[in-house]
Amino acid sequence: MAKSDDGMVALVKKRFTIWREVVTVGDFVRGSVVVLRSPCTRPTCRVCKSGKRHPATYLSRKEKGRTRLVYLPKERVAHARAMVREWKRLETLLLEMSKTNAEILRLLGKRDSAERRAKR
């Protein structure tokens, strides 16, 4: 087996390993979990009168170039953070897959060029 074939076999195995990881990714969402502080509407609120504001947690995401906020109740914040982490994991895996596929294409191009030269 030629050296380039060994490299190709290794890359195909790497791609298969990455695909196996991709299918294990759980629920995901692209965005960030953010905490915004704003005053409430009650004129007698002690917290707001003291200058502090009430925290509220949101999922911030882009949609058609605009930032959209989705309110997250306290019991959903941990789940939303886990979904964001899964998105980042998936994004990393897909980037690695893309690099591997580019390397496979490079090797295939080299192989094709060598075969064309050999036919001359």
PDB file of N, CA and C in Angstrom:
ATOM      1  N   MET A   1       0.845  -1.181   0.000  1.00  0.00           N
ATOM      2  CA  MET A   1       0.000   0.000   0.000  1.00  0.00           C
ATOM      3  C   MET A   1       0.886   1.239   0.000  1.00  0.00           C
ATOM      4  N   ALA A   2       0.564   2.220  -0.818  1.00  0.00           N
ATOM      5  CA  ALA A   2       1.365   3.439  -0.916  1.00  0.00           C
ATOM      6  C   ALA A   2       1.145   4.327   0.304  1.00  0.00           C
ATOM      7  N   LYS A   3       2.096   5.235   0.496  1.00  0.00           N
ATOM      8  CA  LYS A   3       2.034   6.135   1.650  1.00  0.00           C
ATOM      9  C   LYS A   3       0.765   7.001   1.624  1.00  0.00           C
ATOM     10  N   SER A   4       0.383   7.484   0.436  1.00  0.00           N
ATOM     11  CA  SER A   4      -0.804   8.329   0.333  1.00  0.00           C
ATOM     12  C   SER A   4      -2.069   7.536   0.651  1.00  0.00           C
ATOM     13  N   ASP A   5      -2.073   6.240   0.315  1.00  0.00           N
ATOM     14  CA  ASP A   5      -3.224   5.406   0.653  1.00  0.00           C
ATOM     15  C   ASP A   5      -3.353   5.251   2.158  1.00  0.00           C
ATOM     16  N   ASP A   6      -2.215   5.118   2.856  1.00  0.00           N
ATOM     17  CA  ASP A   6      -2.252   5.042   4.324  1.00  0.00           C
ATOM     18  C   ASP A   6      -2.834   6.325   4.900  1.00  0.00           C
ATOM     19  N   GLY A   7      -2.419   7.457   4.334  1.00  0.00           N
ATOM     20  CA  GLY A   7      -2.939   8.743   4.790  1.00  0.00           C
ATOM     21  C   GLY A   7      -4.430   8.860   4.546  1.00  0.00           C
ATOM     22  N   MET A   8      -4.872   8.376   3.405  1.00  0.00           N
ATOM     23  CA  MET A   8      -6.303   8.422   3.063  1.00  0.00           C
ATOM     24  C   MET A   8      -7.111   7.550   4.014  1.00  0.00           C
ATOM     25  N   VAL A   9      -6.598   6.363   4.285  1.00  0.00           N
ATOM     26  CA  VAL A   9      -7.296   5.451   5.204  1.00  0.00           C
ATOM     27  C   VAL A   9      -7.419   6.096   6.585  1.00  0.00           C
ATOM     28  N   ALA A  10      -6.340   6.727   7.041  1.00  0.00           N
ATOM     29  CA  ALA A  10      -6.365   7.380   8.350  1.00  0.00           C
ATOM     30  C   ALA A  10      -7.378   8.520   8.370  1.00  0.00           C
ATOM     31  N   LEU A  11      -7.443   9.293   7.292  1.00  0.00           N
ATOM     32  CA  LEU A  11      -8.394  10.412   7.235  1.00  0.00           C
ATOM     33  C   LEU A  11      -9.842   9.922   7.195  1.00  0.00           C
ATOM     34  N   VAL A  12     -10.097   8.865   6.450  1.00  0.00           N
ATOM     35  CA  VAL A  12     -11.457   8.320   6.386  1.00  0.00           C
ATOM     36  C   VAL A  12     -11.867   7.783   7.753  1.00  0.00           C
ATOM     37  N   LYS A  13     -10.942   7.137   8.448  1.00  0.00           N
ATOM     38  CA  LYS A  13     -11.236   6.655   9.805  1.00  0.00           C
ATOM     39  C   LYS A  13     -11.520   7.822  10.741  1.00  0.00           C
ATOM     40  N   LYS A  14     -10.712   8.884  10.607  1.00  0.00           N
ATOM     41  CA  LYS A  14     -10.918  10.072  11.445  1.00  0.00           C
ATOM     42  C   LYS A  14     -12.297  10.669  11.167  1.00  0.00           C
ATOM     43  N   ARG A  15     -12.676  10.760   9.890  1.00  0.00           N
ATOM     44  CA  ARG A  15     -13.985  11.309   9.534  1.00  0.00           C
ATOM     45  C   ARG A  15     -15.110  10.455  10.113  1.00  0.00           C
ATOM     46  N   PHE A  16     -14.960   9.153  10.043  1.00  0.00           N
ATOM     47  CA  PHE A  16     -15.971   8.260  10.601  1.00  0.00           C
ATOM     48  C   PHE A  16     -16.086   8.448  12.114  1.00  0.00           C
ATOM     49  N   THR A  17     -14.951   8.596  12.789  1.00  0.00           N
ATOM     50  CA  THR A  17     -14.952   8.820  14.242  1.00  0.00           C
ATOM     51  C   THR A  17     -15.666  10.116  14.585  1.00  0.00           C
ATOM     52  N   ILE A  18     -15.419  11.159  13.801  1.00  0.00           N
ATOM     53  CA  ILE A  18     -16.088  12.443  14.050  1.00  0.00           C
ATOM     54  C   ILE A  18     -17.590  12.292  13.841  1.00  0.00           C
ATOM     55  N   TRP A  19     -18.015  11.599  12.781  1.00  0.00           N
ATOM     56  CA  TRP A  19     -19.445  11.389  12.547  1.00  0.00           C
ATOM     57  C   TRP A  19     -20.099  10.651  13.709  1.00  0.00           C
ATOM     58  N   ARG A  20     -19.380   9.687  14.271  1.00  0.00           N
ATOM     59  CA  ARG A  20     -19.934   8.958  15.411  1.00  0.00           C
ATOM     60  C   ARG A  20     -20.154   9.893  16.594  1.00  0.00           C
ATOM     61  N   GLU A  21     -19.288  10.893  16.746  1.00  0.00           N
ATOM     62  CA  GLU A  21     -19.474  11.870  17.812  1.00  0.00           C
ATOM     63  C   GLU A  21     -20.609  12.837  17.494  1.00  0.00           C
ATOM     64  N   VAL A  22     -20.726  13.200  16.226  1.00  0.00           N
ATOM     65  CA  VAL A  22     -21.775  14.143  15.818  1.00  0.00           C
ATOM     66  C   VAL A  22     -23.157  13.588  16.158  1.00  0.00           C
ATOM     67  N   VAL A  23     -23.362  12.309  15.925  1.00  0.00           N
ATOM     68  CA  VAL A  23     -24.687  11.741  16.179  1.00  0.00           C
ATOM     69  C   VAL A  23     -25.005  11.629  17.670  1.00  0.00           C
ATOM     70  N   THR A  24     -24.003  11.802  18.527  1.00  0.00           N
ATOM     71  CA  THR A  24     -24.270  11.753  19.970  1.00  0.00           C
ATOM     72  C   THR A  24     -24.625  13.120  20.549  1.00  0.00           C
ATOM     73  N   VAL A  25     -24.546  14.165  19.722  1.00  0.00           N
ATOM     74  CA  VAL A  25     -24.861  15.510  20.203  1.00  0.00           C
ATOM     75  C   VAL A  25     -26.337  15.554  20.570  1.00  0.00           C
ATOM     76  N   GLY A  26     -26.624  16.121  21.726  1.00  0.00           N
ATOM     77  CA  GLY A  26     -28.002  16.222  22.178  1.00  0.00           C
ATOM     78  C   GLY A  26     -28.695  17.442  21.594  1.00  0.00           C
ATOM     79  N   ASP A  27     -29.780  17.849  22.234  1.00  0.00           N
ATOM     80  CA  ASP A  27     -30.498  19.041  21.792  1.00  0.00           C
ATOM     81  C   ASP A  27     -29.562  20.231  21.846  1.00  0.00           C
ATOM     82  N   PHE A  28     -29.660  21.092  20.847  1.00  0.00           N
ATOM     83  CA  PHE A  28     -28.760  22.236  20.800  1.00  0.00           C
ATOM     84  C   PHE A  28     -29.505  23.471  20.325  1.00  0.00           C
ATOM     85  N   VAL A  29     -28.933  24.619  20.651  1.00  0.00           N
ATOM     86  CA  VAL A  29     -29.463  25.893  20.179  1.00  0.00           C
ATOM     87  C   VAL A  29     -28.291  26.842  20.011  1.00  0.00           C
ATOM     88  N   ARG A  30     -28.328  27.618  18.934  1.00  0.00           N
ATOM     89  CA  ARG A  30     -27.276  28.597  18.691  1.00  0.00           C
ATOM     90  C   ARG A  30     -27.679  29.886  19.381  1.00  0.00           C
ATOM     91  N   GLY A  31     -26.791  30.388  20.214  1.00  0.00           N
ATOM     92  CA  GLY A  31     -27.067  31.627  20.933  1.00  0.00           C
ATOM     93  C   GLY A  31     -26.264  31.689  22.215  1.00  0.00           C
ATOM     94  N   SER A  32     -26.661  32.610  23.069  1.00  0.00           N
ATOM     95  CA  SER A  32     -25.999  32.788  24.364  1.00  0.00           C
ATOM     96  C   SER A  32     -27.054  32.999  25.437  1.00  0.00           C
ATOM     97  N   VAL A  33     -26.748  32.545  26.626  1.00  0.00           N
ATOM     98  CA  VAL A  33     -27.616  32.814  27.767  1.00  0.00           C
ATOM     99  C   VAL A  33     -27.096  34.081  28.433  1.00  0.00           C
ATOM    100  N   VAL A  34     -27.960  35.091  28.546  1.00  0.00           N
ATOM    101  CA  VAL A  34     -27.563  36.383  29.101  1.00  0.00           C
ATOM    102  C   VAL A  34     -28.507  36.786  30.233  1.00  0.00           C
ATOM    103  N   VAL A  35     -27.971  37.572  31.152  1.00  0.00           N
ATOM    104  CA  VAL A  35     -28.783  38.114  32.246  1.00  0.00           C
ATOM    105  C   VAL A  35     -28.873  39.622  32.040  1.00  0.00           C
ATOM    106  N   LEU A  36     -30.105  40.116  31.933  1.00  0.00           N
ATOM    107  CA  LEU A  36     -30.344  41.547  31.801  1.00  0.00           C
ATOM    108  C   LEU A  36     -31.021  42.035  33.078  1.00  0.00           C
ATOM    109  N   ARG A  37     -30.697  43.231  33.475  1.00  0.00           N
ATOM    110  CA  ARG A  37     -31.299  43.813  34.683  1.00  0.00           C
ATOM    111  C   ARG A  37     -32.139  45.010  34.269  1.00  0.00           C
ATOM    112  N   SER A  38     -33.379  45.018  34.744  1.00  0.00           N
ATOM    113  CA  SER A  38     -34.275  46.115  34.400  1.00  0.00           C
ATOM    114  C   SER A  38     -35.177  46.440  35.586  1.00  0.00           C
ATOM    115  N   PRO A  39     -35.651  47.683  35.651  1.00  0.00           N
ATOM    116  CA  PRO A  39     -36.557  48.054  36.735  1.00  0.00           C
ATOM    117  C   PRO A  39     -37.937  47.444  36.503  1.00  0.00           C
ATOM    118  N   CYS A  40     -38.658  47.249  37.569  1.00  0.00           N
ATOM    119  CA  CYS A  40     -40.017  46.727  37.436  1.00  0.00           C
ATOM    120  C   CYS A  40     -40.988  47.906  37.279  1.00  0.00           C
ATOM    121  N   THR A  41     -42.256  47.599  37.173  1.00  0.00           N
ATOM    122  CA  THR A  41     -43.261  48.643  36.931  1.00  0.00           C
ATOM    123  C   THR A  41     -43.901  49.159  38.216  1.00  0.00           C
ATOM    124  N   ARG A  42     -43.548  48.573  39.334  1.00  0.00           N
ATOM    125  CA  ARG A  42     -44.174  49.007  40.600  1.00  0.00           C
ATOM    126  C   ARG A  42     -43.480  50.271  41.127  1.00  0.00           C
ATOM    127  N   PRO A  43     -44.222  51.339  41.341  1.00  0.00           N
ATOM    128  CA  PRO A  43     -43.605  52.588  41.803  1.00  0.00           C
ATOM    129  C   PRO A  43     -43.070  52.505  43.234  1.00  0.00           C
ATOM    130  N   THR A  44     -43.536  51.546  44.021  1.00  0.00           N
ATOM    131  CA  THR A  44     -43.106  51.454  45.419  1.00  0.00           C
ATOM    132  C   THR A  44     -42.047  50.376  45.656  1.00  0.00           C
ATOM    133  N   CYS A  45     -41.467  49.832  44.613  1.00  0.00           N
ATOM    134  CA  CYS A  45     -40.497  48.741  44.750  1.00  0.00           C
ATOM    135  C   CYS A  45     -39.233  49.259  45.442  1.00  0.00           C
ATOM    136  N   ARG A  46     -38.873  48.620  46.570  1.00  0.00           N
ATOM    137  CA  ARG A  46     -37.683  49.032  47.319  1.00  0.00           C
ATOM    138  C   ARG A  46     -36.402  48.756  46.543  1.00  0.00           C
ATOM    139  N   VAL A  47     -36.374  47.655  45.822  1.00  0.00           N
ATOM    140  CA  VAL A  47     -35.183  47.297  45.057  1.00  0.00           C
ATOM    141  C   VAL A  47     -34.899  48.365  43.994  1.00  0.00           C
ATOM    142  N   CYS A  48     -35.919  48.744  43.254  1.00  0.00           N
ATOM    143  CA  CYS A  48     -35.740  49.729  42.185  1.00  0.00           C
ATOM    144  C   CYS A  48     -35.420  51.114  42.760  1.00  0.00           C
ATOM    145  N   LYS A  49     -36.031  51.467  43.895  1.00  0.00           N
ATOM    146  CA  LYS A  49     -35.752  52.771  44.518  1.00  0.00           C
ATOM    147  C   LYS A  49     -34.308  52.852  45.002  1.00  0.00           C
ATOM    148  N   SER A  50     -33.730  51.713  45.379  1.00  0.00           N
ATOM    149  CA  SER A  50     -32.349  51.711  45.859  1.00  0.00           C
ATOM    150  C   SER A  50     -31.338  51.805  44.696  1.00  0.00           C
ATOM    151  N   GLY A  51     -31.828  51.759  43.468  1.00  0.00           N
ATOM    152  CA  GLY A  51     -30.945  51.849  42.309  1.00  0.00           C
ATOM    153  C   GLY A  51     -30.612  50.496  41.698  1.00  0.00           C
ATOM    154  N   LYS A  52     -30.945  49.435  42.400  1.00  0.00           N
ATOM    155  CA  LYS A  52     -30.711  48.098  41.849  1.00  0.00           C
ATOM    156  C   LYS A  52     -31.831  47.755  40.875  1.00  0.00           C
ATOM    157  N   ARG A  53     -31.587  46.782  40.067  1.00  0.00           N
ATOM    158  CA  ARG A  53     -32.596  46.345  39.106  1.00  0.00           C
ATOM    159  C   ARG A  53     -32.807  44.847  39.239  1.00  0.00           C
ATOM    160  N   HIS A  54     -33.916  44.389  38.720  1.00  0.00           N
ATOM    161  CA  HIS A  54     -34.273  42.971  38.801  1.00  0.00           C
ATOM    162  C   HIS A  54     -33.632  42.191  37.646  1.00  0.00           C
ATOM    163  N   PRO A  55     -32.966  41.070  37.963  1.00  0.00           N
ATOM    164  CA  PRO A  55     -32.344  40.275  36.892  1.00  0.00           C
ATOM    165  C   PRO A  55     -33.372  39.387  36.183  1.00  0.00           C
ATOM    166  N   ALA A  56     -33.191  39.229  34.893  1.00  0.00           N
ATOM    167  CA  ALA A  56     -34.011  38.306  34.109  1.00  0.00           C
ATOM    168  C   ALA A  56     -33.061  37.625  33.108  1.00  0.00           C
ATOM    169  N   THR A  57     -33.241  36.336  32.926  1.00  0.00           N
ATOM    170  CA  THR A  57     -32.354  35.566  32.063  1.00  0.00           C
ATOM    171  C   THR A  57     -33.033  35.301  30.718  1.00  0.00           C
ATOM    172  N   TYR A  58     -32.233  35.466  29.649  1.00  0.00           N
ATOM    173  CA  TYR A  58     -32.750  35.309  28.291  1.00  0.00           C
ATOM    174  C   TYR A  58     -31.789  34.469  27.451  1.00  0.00           C
ATOM    175  N   LEU A  59     -32.337  33.869  26.421  1.00  0.00           N
ATOM    176  CA  LEU A  59     -31.523  33.280  25.368  1.00  0.00           C
ATOM    177  C   LEU A  59     -31.432  34.352  24.293  1.00  0.00           C
ATOM    178  N   SER A  60     -30.216  34.766  23.982  1.00  0.00           N
ATOM    179  CA  SER A  60     -29.987  35.775  22.952  1.00  0.00           C
ATOM    180  C   SER A  60     -29.517  35.065  21.697  1.00  0.00           C
ATOM    181  N   ARG A  61     -30.183  35.336  20.576  1.00  0.00           N
ATOM    182  CA  ARG A  61     -29.800  34.693  19.322  1.00  0.00           C
ATOM    183  C   ARG A  61     -30.068  35.637  18.161  1.00  0.00           C
ATOM    184  N   LYS A  62     -29.390  35.387  17.059  1.00  0.00           N
ATOM    185  CA  LYS A  62     -29.565  36.192  15.854  1.00  0.00           C
ATOM    186  C   LYS A  62     -30.563  35.510  14.931  1.00  0.00           C
ATOM    187  N   GLU A  63     -31.442  36.313  14.378  1.00  0.00           N
ATOM    188  CA  GLU A  63     -32.430  35.822  13.421  1.00  0.00           C
ATOM    189  C   GLU A  63     -32.584  36.872  12.334  1.00  0.00           C
ATOM    190  N   LYS A  64     -32.192  36.526  11.124  1.00  0.00           N
ATOM    191  CA  LYS A  64     -32.239  37.453   9.987  1.00  0.00           C
ATOM    192  C   LYS A  64     -31.491  38.752  10.298  1.00  0.00           C
ATOM    193  N   GLY A  65     -30.340  38.626  10.951  1.00  0.00           N
ATOM    194  CA  GLY A  65     -29.502  39.776  11.236  1.00  0.00           C
ATOM    195  C   GLY A  65     -29.921  40.602  12.438  1.00  0.00           C
ATOM    196  N   ARG A  66     -30.967  40.198  13.109  1.00  0.00           N
ATOM    197  CA  ARG A  66     -31.441  40.946  14.277  1.00  0.00           C
ATOM    198  C   ARG A  66     -31.324  40.084  15.520  1.00  0.00           C
ATOM    199  N   THR A  67     -31.029  40.716  16.634  1.00  0.00           N
ATOM    200  CA  THR A  67     -30.928  39.988  17.899  1.00  0.00           C
ATOM    201  C   THR A  67     -32.328  39.753  18.443  1.00  0.00           C
ATOM    202  N   ARG A  68     -32.582  38.523  18.797  1.00  0.00           N
ATOM    203  CA  ARG A  68     -33.870  38.138  19.392  1.00  0.00           C
ATOM    204  C   ARG A  68     -33.600  37.591  20.781  1.00  0.00           C
ATOM    205  N   LEU A  69     -34.440  37.974  21.723  1.00  0.00           N
ATOM    206  CA  LEU A  69     -34.316  37.490  23.100  1.00  0.00           C
ATOM    207  C   LEU A  69     -35.510  36.607  23.423  1.00  0.00           C
ATOM    208  N   VAL A  70     -35.230  35.475  24.035  1.00  0.00           N
ATOM    209  CA  VAL A  70     -36.270  34.559  24.491  1.00  0.00           C
ATOM    210  C   VAL A  70     -36.149  34.477  26.008  1.00  0.00           C
ATOM    211  N   TYR A  71     -37.204  34.853  26.716  1.00  0.00           N
ATOM    212  CA  TYR A  71     -37.165  34.814  28.186  1.00  0.00           C
ATOM    213  C   TYR A  71     -37.029  33.374  28.655  1.00  0.00           C
ATOM    214  N   LEU A  72     -36.180  33.187  29.688  1.00  0.00           N
ATOM    215  CA  LEU A  72     -35.972  31.859  30.269  1.00  0.00           C
ATOM    216  C   LEU A  72     -36.397  31.875  31.734  1.00  0.00           C
ATOM    217  N   PRO A  73     -37.425  31.127  32.087  1.00  0.00           N
ATOM    218  CA  PRO A  73     -37.754  30.996  33.512  1.00  0.00           C
ATOM    219  C   PRO A  73     -36.581  30.333  34.241  1.00  0.00           C
ATOM    220  N   LYS A  74     -36.470  30.570  35.522  1.00  0.00           N
ATOM    221  CA  LYS A  74     -35.338  30.051  36.304  1.00  0.00           C
ATOM    222  C   LYS A  74     -35.133  28.556  36.121  1.00  0.00           C
ATOM    223  N   GLU A  75     -36.222  27.809  36.037  1.00  0.00           N
ATOM    224  CA  GLU A  75     -36.092  26.348  35.922  1.00  0.00           C
ATOM    225  C   GLU A  75     -35.608  25.906  34.539  1.00  0.00           C
ATOM    226  N   ARG A  76     -35.538  26.797  33.564  1.00  0.00           N
ATOM    227  CA  ARG A  76     -35.087  26.457  32.213  1.00  0.00           C
ATOM    228  C   ARG A  76     -33.675  26.954  31.905  1.00  0.00           C
ATOM    229  N   VAL A  77     -33.077  27.729  32.777  1.00  0.00           N
ATOM    230  CA  VAL A  77     -31.762  28.329  32.512  1.00  0.00           C
ATOM    231  C   VAL A  77     -30.680  27.254  32.342  1.00  0.00           C
ATOM    232  N   ALA A  78     -30.641  26.289  33.235  1.00  0.00           N
ATOM    233  CA  ALA A  78     -29.619  25.231  33.155  1.00  0.00           C
ATOM    234  C   ALA A  78     -29.776  24.436  31.855  1.00  0.00           C
ATOM    235  N   HIS A  79     -31.009  24.137  31.481  1.00  0.00           N
ATOM    236  CA  HIS A  79     -31.254  23.399  30.243  1.00  0.00           C
ATOM    237  C   HIS A  79     -30.806  24.219  29.032  1.00  0.00           C
ATOM    238  N   ALA A  80     -31.092  25.511  29.028  1.00  0.00           N
ATOM    239  CA  ALA A  80     -30.680  26.372  27.914  1.00  0.00           C
ATOM    240  C   ALA A  80     -29.156  26.444  27.829  1.00  0.00           C
ATOM    241  N   ARG A  81     -28.483  26.549  28.962  1.00  0.00           N
ATOM    242  CA  ARG A  81     -27.009  26.580  28.950  1.00  0.00           C
ATOM    243  C   ARG A  81     -26.442  25.277  28.400  1.00  0.00           C
ATOM    244  N   ALA A  82     -27.052  24.168  28.762  1.00  0.00           N
ATOM    245  CA  ALA A  82     -26.602  22.869  28.245  1.00  0.00           C
ATOM    246  C   ALA A  82     -26.810  22.800  26.729  1.00  0.00           C
ATOM    247  N   MET A  83     -27.903  23.340  26.238  1.00  0.00           N
ATOM    248  CA  MET A  83     -28.176  23.341  24.798  1.00  0.00           C
ATOM    249  C   MET A  83     -27.161  24.213  24.054  1.00  0.00           C
ATOM    250  N   VAL A  84     -26.778  25.333  24.636  1.00  0.00           N
ATOM    251  CA  VAL A  84     -25.771  26.209  24.031  1.00  0.00           C
ATOM    252  C   VAL A  84     -24.417  25.489  23.995  1.00  0.00           C
ATOM    253  N   ARG A  85     -24.084  24.793  25.092  1.00  0.00           N
ATOM    254  CA  ARG A  85     -22.828  24.018  25.119  1.00  0.00           C
ATOM    255  C   ARG A  85     -22.820  22.956  24.025  1.00  0.00           C
ATOM    256  N   GLU A  86     -23.954  22.297  23.807  1.00  0.00           N
ATOM    257  CA  GLU A  86     -24.047  21.271  22.771  1.00  0.00           C
ATOM    258  C   GLU A  86     -23.871  21.888  21.383  1.00  0.00           C
ATOM    259  N   TRP A  87     -24.403  23.090  21.189  1.00  0.00           N
ATOM    260  CA  TRP A  87     -24.204  23.771  19.909  1.00  0.00           C
ATOM    261  C   TRP A  87     -22.718  24.019  19.664  1.00  0.00           C
ATOM    262  N   LYS A  88     -22.029  24.504  20.692  1.00  0.00           N
ATOM    263  CA  LYS A  88     -20.592  24.782  20.549  1.00  0.00           C
ATOM    264  C   LYS A  88     -19.823  23.499  20.269  1.00  0.00           C
ATOM    265  N   ARG A  89     -20.222  22.416  20.908  1.00  0.00           N
ATOM    266  CA  ARG A  89     -19.589  21.119  20.659  1.00  0.00           C
ATOM    267  C   ARG A  89     -19.823  20.677  19.212  1.00  0.00           C
ATOM    268  N   LEU A  90     -21.065  20.804  18.751  1.00  0.00           N
ATOM    269  CA  LEU A  90     -21.398  20.433  17.380  1.00  0.00           C
ATOM    270  C   LEU A  90     -20.628  21.295  16.385  1.00  0.00           C
ATOM    271  N   GLU A  91     -20.542  22.580  16.653  1.00  0.00           N
ATOM    272  CA  GLU A  91     -19.824  23.488  15.769  1.00  0.00           C
ATOM    273  C   GLU A  91     -18.346  23.087  15.661  1.00  0.00           C
ATOM    274  N   THR A  92     -17.737  22.735  16.792  1.00  0.00           N
ATOM    275  CA  THR A  92     -16.342  22.291  16.806  1.00  0.00           C
ATOM    276  C   THR A  92     -16.173  21.001  16.005  1.00  0.00           C
ATOM    277  N   LEU A  93     -17.087  20.064  16.195  1.00  0.00           N
ATOM    278  CA  LEU A  93     -17.015  18.798  15.459  1.00  0.00           C
ATOM    279  C   LEU A  93     -17.165  19.023  13.959  1.00  0.00           C
ATOM    280  N   LEU A  94     -18.085  19.880  13.570  1.00  0.00           N
ATOM    281  CA  LEU A  94     -18.296  20.137  12.147  1.00  0.00           C
ATOM    282  C   LEU A  94     -17.100  20.848  11.524  1.00  0.00           C
ATOM    283  N   LEU A  95     -16.464  21.724  12.279  1.00  0.00           N
ATOM    284  CA  LEU A  95     -15.254  22.382  11.790  1.00  0.00           C
ATOM    285  C   LEU A  95     -14.140  21.348  11.565  1.00  0.00           C
ATOM    286  N   GLU A  96     -13.999  20.437  12.509  1.00  0.00           N
ATOM    287  CA  GLU A  96     -12.998  19.370  12.373  1.00  0.00           C
ATOM    288  C   GLU A  96     -13.331  18.467  11.182  1.00  0.00           C
ATOM    289  N   MET A  97     -14.617  18.183  10.992  1.00  0.00           N
ATOM    290  CA  MET A  97     -15.054  17.376   9.849  1.00  0.00           C
ATOM    291  C   MET A  97     -14.717  18.088   8.544  1.00  0.00           C
ATOM    292  N   SER A  98     -14.955  19.378   8.489  1.00  0.00           N
ATOM    293  CA  SER A  98     -14.664  20.151   7.293  1.00  0.00           C
ATOM    294  C   SER A  98     -13.171  20.138   6.968  1.00  0.00           C
ATOM    295  N   LYS A  99     -12.331  20.292   7.982  1.00  0.00           N
ATOM    296  CA  LYS A  99     -10.884  20.249   7.768  1.00  0.00           C
ATOM    297  C   LYS A  99     -10.456  18.871   7.251  1.00  0.00           C
ATOM    298  N   THR A 100     -11.037  17.830   7.821  1.00  0.00           N
ATOM    299  CA  THR A 100     -10.714  16.461   7.393  1.00  0.00           C
ATOM    300  C   THR A 100     -11.143  16.240   5.948  1.00  0.00           C
ATOM    301  N   ASN A 101     -12.338  16.700   5.584  1.00  0.00           N
ATOM    302  CA  ASN A 101     -12.821  16.543   4.215  1.00  0.00           C
ATOM    303  C   ASN A 101     -11.947  17.322   3.232  1.00  0.00           C
ATOM    304  N   ALA A 102     -11.492  18.502   3.627  1.00  0.00           N
ATOM    305  CA  ALA A 102     -10.605  19.283   2.760  1.00  0.00           C
ATOM    306  C   ALA A 102      -9.293  18.536   2.531  1.00  0.00           C
ATOM    307  N   GLU A 103      -8.777  17.906   3.555  1.00  0.00           N
ATOM    308  CA  GLU A 103      -7.537  17.136   3.424  1.00  0.00           C
ATOM    309  C   GLU A 103      -7.752  15.913   2.528  1.00  0.00           C
ATOM    310  N   ILE A 104      -8.922  15.270   2.661  1.00  0.00           N
ATOM    311  CA  ILE A 104      -9.247  14.137   1.784  1.00  0.00           C
ATOM    312  C   ILE A 104      -9.298  14.598   0.328  1.00  0.00           C
ATOM    313  N   LEU A 105      -9.933  15.737   0.077  1.00  0.00           N
ATOM    314  CA  LEU A 105      -9.997  16.265  -1.290  1.00  0.00           C
ATOM    315  C   LEU A 105      -8.604  16.586  -1.831  1.00  0.00           C
ATOM    316  N   ARG A 106      -7.750  17.123  -0.971  1.00  0.00           N
ATOM    317  CA  ARG A 106      -6.386  17.427  -1.389  1.00  0.00           C
ATOM    318  C   ARG A 106      -5.656  16.151  -1.814  1.00  0.00           C
ATOM    319  N   LEU A 107      -5.787  15.093  -1.005  1.00  0.00           N
ATOM    320  CA  LEU A 107      -5.131  13.819  -1.339  1.00  0.00           C
ATOM    321  C   LEU A 107      -5.716  13.195  -2.607  1.00  0.00           C
ATOM    322  N   LEU A 108      -7.036  13.303  -2.772  1.00  0.00           N
ATOM    323  CA  LEU A 108      -7.653  12.771  -3.989  1.00  0.00           C
ATOM    324  C   LEU A 108      -7.164  13.524  -5.221  1.00  0.00           C
ATOM    325  N   GLY A 109      -7.009  14.828  -5.096  1.00  0.00           N
ATOM    326  CA  GLY A 109      -6.490  15.620  -6.206  1.00  0.00           C
ATOM    327  C   GLY A 109      -5.074  15.221  -6.563  1.00  0.00           C
ATOM    328  N   LYS A 110      -4.252  14.994  -5.536  1.00  0.00           N
ATOM    329  CA  LYS A 110      -2.874  14.541  -5.781  1.00  0.00           C
ATOM    330  C   LYS A 110      -2.874  13.187  -6.490  1.00  0.00           C
ATOM    331  N   ARG A 111      -3.757  12.287  -6.031  1.00  0.00           N
ATOM    332  CA  ARG A 111      -3.839  10.956  -6.618  1.00  0.00           C
ATOM    333  C   ARG A 111      -4.267  11.051  -8.083  1.00  0.00           C
ATOM    334  N   ASP A 112      -5.273  11.883  -8.369  1.00  0.00           N
ATOM    335  CA  ASP A 112      -5.744  12.065  -9.747  1.00  0.00           C
ATOM    336  C   ASP A 112      -4.646  12.624 -10.631  1.00  0.00           C
ATOM    337  N   SER A 113      -3.909  13.587 -10.129  1.00  0.00           N
ATOM    338  CA  SER A 113      -2.808  14.182 -10.909  1.00  0.00           C
ATOM    339  C   SER A 113      -1.740  13.135 -11.221  1.00  0.00           C
ATOM    340  N   ALA A 114      -1.422  12.316 -10.222  1.00  0.00           N
ATOM    341  CA  ALA A 114      -0.400  11.280 -10.412  1.00  0.00           C
ATOM    342  C   ALA A 114      -0.871  10.255 -11.457  1.00  0.00           C
ATOM    343  N   GLU A 115      -2.158   9.904 -11.424  1.00  0.00           N
ATOM    344  CA  GLU A 115      -2.695   8.937 -12.386  1.00  0.00           C
ATOM    345  C   GLU A 115      -2.668   9.514 -13.800  1.00  0.00           C
ATOM    346  N   ARG A 116      -2.998  10.807 -13.942  1.00  0.00           N
ATOM    347  CA  ARG A 116      -2.958  11.441 -15.264  1.00  0.00           C
ATOM    348  C   ARG A 116      -1.537  11.488 -15.809  1.00  0.00           C
ATOM    349  N   ARG A 117      -0.570  11.787 -14.936  1.00  0.00           N
ATOM    350  CA  ARG A 117       0.828  11.812 -15.363  1.00  0.00           C
ATOM    351  C   ARG A 117       1.316  10.436 -15.777  1.00  0.00           C
ATOM    352  N   ALA A 118       0.840   9.407 -15.055  1.00  0.00           N
ATOM    353  CA  ALA A 118       1.270   8.030 -15.350  1.00  0.00           C
ATOM    354  C   ALA A 118       0.721   7.559 -16.691  1.00  0.00           C
ATOM    355  N   LYS A 119      -0.430   8.058 -17.134  1.00  0.00           N
ATOM    356  CA  LYS A 119      -1.044   7.637 -18.390  1.00  0.00           C
ATOM    357  C   LYS A 119      -0.336   8.247 -19.599  1.00  0.00           C
ATOM    358  N   ARG A 120       0.418   9.297 -19.394  1.00  0.00           N
ATOM    359  CA  ARG A 120       1.101   9.961 -20.530  1.00  0.00           C
ATOM    360  C   ARG A 120       2.191   9.141 -21.075  1.00  0.00           C
TER     361      ARG A 120
END
